[in-house]
Amino acid sequence: MSIEPAAELFRFQQFIRDHLAKGEAMSPEEALDLWRIENPDPGEHADVTNALREALSDMEAGDCGVPLEEFDRAFRRRHGIPF
């Protein structure tokens, strides 16, 4: 389901106006965070739900993933972060 950008911006603008009218001052970052909490993207929710179902299925099939220590070493190596 695709949302028309102009309509979404109009709804966001109204969201900001409503909060300002109530005397709720917030930074732009806080406003965007609150908007995303109150108006979640249905497509993103479906993606996360599918990823969780797949991970649970993998666990039930015996896949325990990568131990944290192994992931940490590889992540640090990849990003040049000292051990």
C-alpha atoms as a PDB file:
ATOM      1  CA  MET A   1       0.000   0.000   0.000  1.00  0.00           C
ATOM      2  CA  SER A   2       1.604   3.252  -1.152  1.00  0.00           C
ATOM      3  CA  ILE A   3       0.819   6.582   0.475  1.00  0.00           C
ATOM      4  CA  GLU A   4       0.732   9.726  -1.641  1.00  0.00           C
ATOM      5  CA  PRO A   5       3.632  11.929  -0.406  1.00  0.00           C
ATOM      6  CA  ALA A   6       1.635  15.187  -0.655  1.00  0.00           C
ATOM      7  CA  ALA A   7      -1.211  13.717   1.397  1.00  0.00           C
ATOM      8  CA  GLU A   8       1.226  12.351   3.977  1.00  0.00           C
ATOM      9  CA  LEU A   9       2.942  15.729   4.293  1.00  0.00           C
ATOM     10  CA  PHE A  10      -0.433  17.424   4.742  1.00  0.00           C
ATOM     11  CA  ARG A  11      -1.330  14.942   7.519  1.00  0.00           C
ATOM     12  CA  PHE A  12       2.070  15.497   9.165  1.00  0.00           C
ATOM     13  CA  GLN A  13       1.590  19.269   8.984  1.00  0.00           C
ATOM     14  CA  GLN A  14      -1.816  18.916  10.649  1.00  0.00           C
ATOM     15  CA  PHE A  15      -0.279  16.634  13.281  1.00  0.00           C
ATOM     16  CA  ILE A  16       2.295  19.337  14.115  1.00  0.00           C
ATOM     17  CA  ARG A  17      -0.394  22.053  14.237  1.00  0.00           C
ATOM     18  CA  ASP A  18      -2.551  19.956  16.574  1.00  0.00           C
ATOM     19  CA  HIS A  19       0.319  19.396  18.995  1.00  0.00           C
ATOM     20  CA  LEU A  20       1.371  23.056  18.909  1.00  0.00           C
ATOM     21  CA  ALA A  21      -2.239  24.129  19.524  1.00  0.00           C
ATOM     22  CA  LYS A  22      -2.202  21.988  22.694  1.00  0.00           C
ATOM     23  CA  GLY A  23       0.956  23.792  23.812  1.00  0.00           C
ATOM     24  CA  GLU A  24       3.154  20.763  23.228  1.00  0.00           C
ATOM     25  CA  ALA A  25       6.530  22.134  22.192  1.00  0.00           C
ATOM     26  CA  MET A  26       8.994  19.617  20.789  1.00  0.00           C
ATOM     27  CA  SER A  27      12.028  19.503  18.556  1.00  0.00           C
ATOM     28  CA  PRO A  28      11.618  18.475  14.905  1.00  0.00           C
ATOM     29  CA  GLU A  29      13.287  15.142  15.736  1.00  0.00           C
ATOM     30  CA  GLU A  30      10.888  14.518  18.617  1.00  0.00           C
ATOM     31  CA  ALA A  31       7.921  15.435  16.401  1.00  0.00           C
ATOM     32  CA  LEU A  32       9.039  13.004  13.704  1.00  0.00           C
ATOM     33  CA  ASP A  33       9.623  10.231  16.265  1.00  0.00           C
ATOM     34  CA  LEU A  34       6.150  10.771  17.733  1.00  0.00           C
ATOM     35  CA  TRP A  35       4.622  10.853  14.237  1.00  0.00           C
ATOM     36  CA  ARG A  36       6.255   7.523  13.394  1.00  0.00           C
ATOM     37  CA  ILE A  37       5.025   5.980  16.647  1.00  0.00           C
ATOM     38  CA  GLU A  38       1.453   7.179  16.099  1.00  0.00           C
ATOM     39  CA  ASN A  39       1.439   6.513  12.326  1.00  0.00           C
ATOM     40  CA  PRO A  40       3.415   3.324  11.689  1.00  0.00           C
ATOM     41  CA  ASP A  41       4.185   2.263   8.134  1.00  0.00           C
ATOM     42  CA  PRO A  42       2.042  -0.839   7.449  1.00  0.00           C
ATOM     43  CA  GLY A  43       4.621  -2.172   4.994  1.00  0.00           C
ATOM     44  CA  GLU A  44       7.419  -1.905   7.535  1.00  0.00           C
ATOM     45  CA  HIS A  45       5.298  -3.691  10.128  1.00  0.00           C
ATOM     46  CA  ALA A  46       4.683  -6.549   7.691  1.00  0.00           C
ATOM     47  CA  ASP A  47       8.420  -6.798   6.901  1.00  0.00           C
ATOM     48  CA  VAL A  48       9.364  -6.963  10.580  1.00  0.00           C
ATOM     49  CA  THR A  49       6.634  -9.503  11.306  1.00  0.00           C
ATOM     50  CA  ASN A  50       7.808 -11.717   8.432  1.00  0.00           C
ATOM     51  CA  ALA A  51      11.448 -11.477   9.567  1.00  0.00           C
ATOM     52  CA  LEU A  52      10.472 -12.481  13.110  1.00  0.00           C
ATOM     53  CA  ARG A  53       8.423 -15.430  11.843  1.00  0.00           C
ATOM     54  CA  GLU A  54      11.349 -16.570   9.704  1.00  0.00           C
ATOM     55  CA  ALA A  55      13.764 -16.281  12.644  1.00  0.00           C
ATOM     56  CA  LEU A  56      11.421 -18.267  14.896  1.00  0.00           C
ATOM     57  CA  SER A  57      11.056 -20.922  12.221  1.00  0.00           C
ATOM     58  CA  ASP A  58      14.850 -21.134  11.893  1.00  0.00           C
ATOM     59  CA  MET A  59      15.175 -21.522  15.669  1.00  0.00           C
ATOM     60  CA  GLU A  60      12.583 -24.297  15.713  1.00  0.00           C
ATOM     61  CA  ALA A  61      14.598 -26.037  12.980  1.00  0.00           C
ATOM     62  CA  GLY A  62      17.717 -25.919  15.196  1.00  0.00           C
ATOM     63  CA  ASP A  63      19.465 -22.798  13.875  1.00  0.00           C
ATOM     64  CA  CYS A  64      20.833 -21.002  16.943  1.00  0.00           C
ATOM     65  CA  GLY A  65      22.376 -18.146  15.002  1.00  0.00           C
ATOM     66  CA  VAL A  66      25.833 -16.717  15.662  1.00  0.00           C
ATOM     67  CA  PRO A  67      27.229 -16.446  19.194  1.00  0.00           C
ATOM     68  CA  LEU A  68      27.497 -12.834  20.375  1.00  0.00           C
ATOM     69  CA  GLU A  69      31.276 -13.023  20.759  1.00  0.00           C
ATOM     70  CA  GLU A  70      31.699 -14.189  17.159  1.00  0.00           C
ATOM     71  CA  PHE A  71      29.353 -11.498  15.843  1.00  0.00           C
ATOM     72  CA  ASP A  72      31.131  -8.837  17.935  1.00  0.00           C
ATOM     73  CA  ARG A  73      34.568  -9.782  16.562  1.00  0.00           C
ATOM     74  CA  ALA A  74      33.345  -9.785  12.950  1.00  0.00           C
ATOM     75  CA  PHE A  75      31.428  -6.523  13.385  1.00  0.00           C
ATOM     76  CA  ARG A  76      34.411  -4.754  14.958  1.00  0.00           C
ATOM     77  CA  ARG A  77      36.747  -6.069  12.253  1.00  0.00           C
ATOM     78  CA  ARG A  78      34.384  -4.946   9.491  1.00  0.00           C
ATOM     79  CA  HIS A  79      33.998  -1.446  10.913  1.00  0.00           C
ATOM     80  CA  GLY A  80      37.545  -0.915  12.172  1.00  0.00           C
ATOM     81  CA  ILE A  81      36.495  -0.766  15.825  1.00  0.00           C
ATOM     82  CA  PRO A  82      39.254  -1.745  18.275  1.00  0.00           C
ATOM     83  CA  PHE A  83      38.745  -4.881  20.373  1.00  0.00           C
END
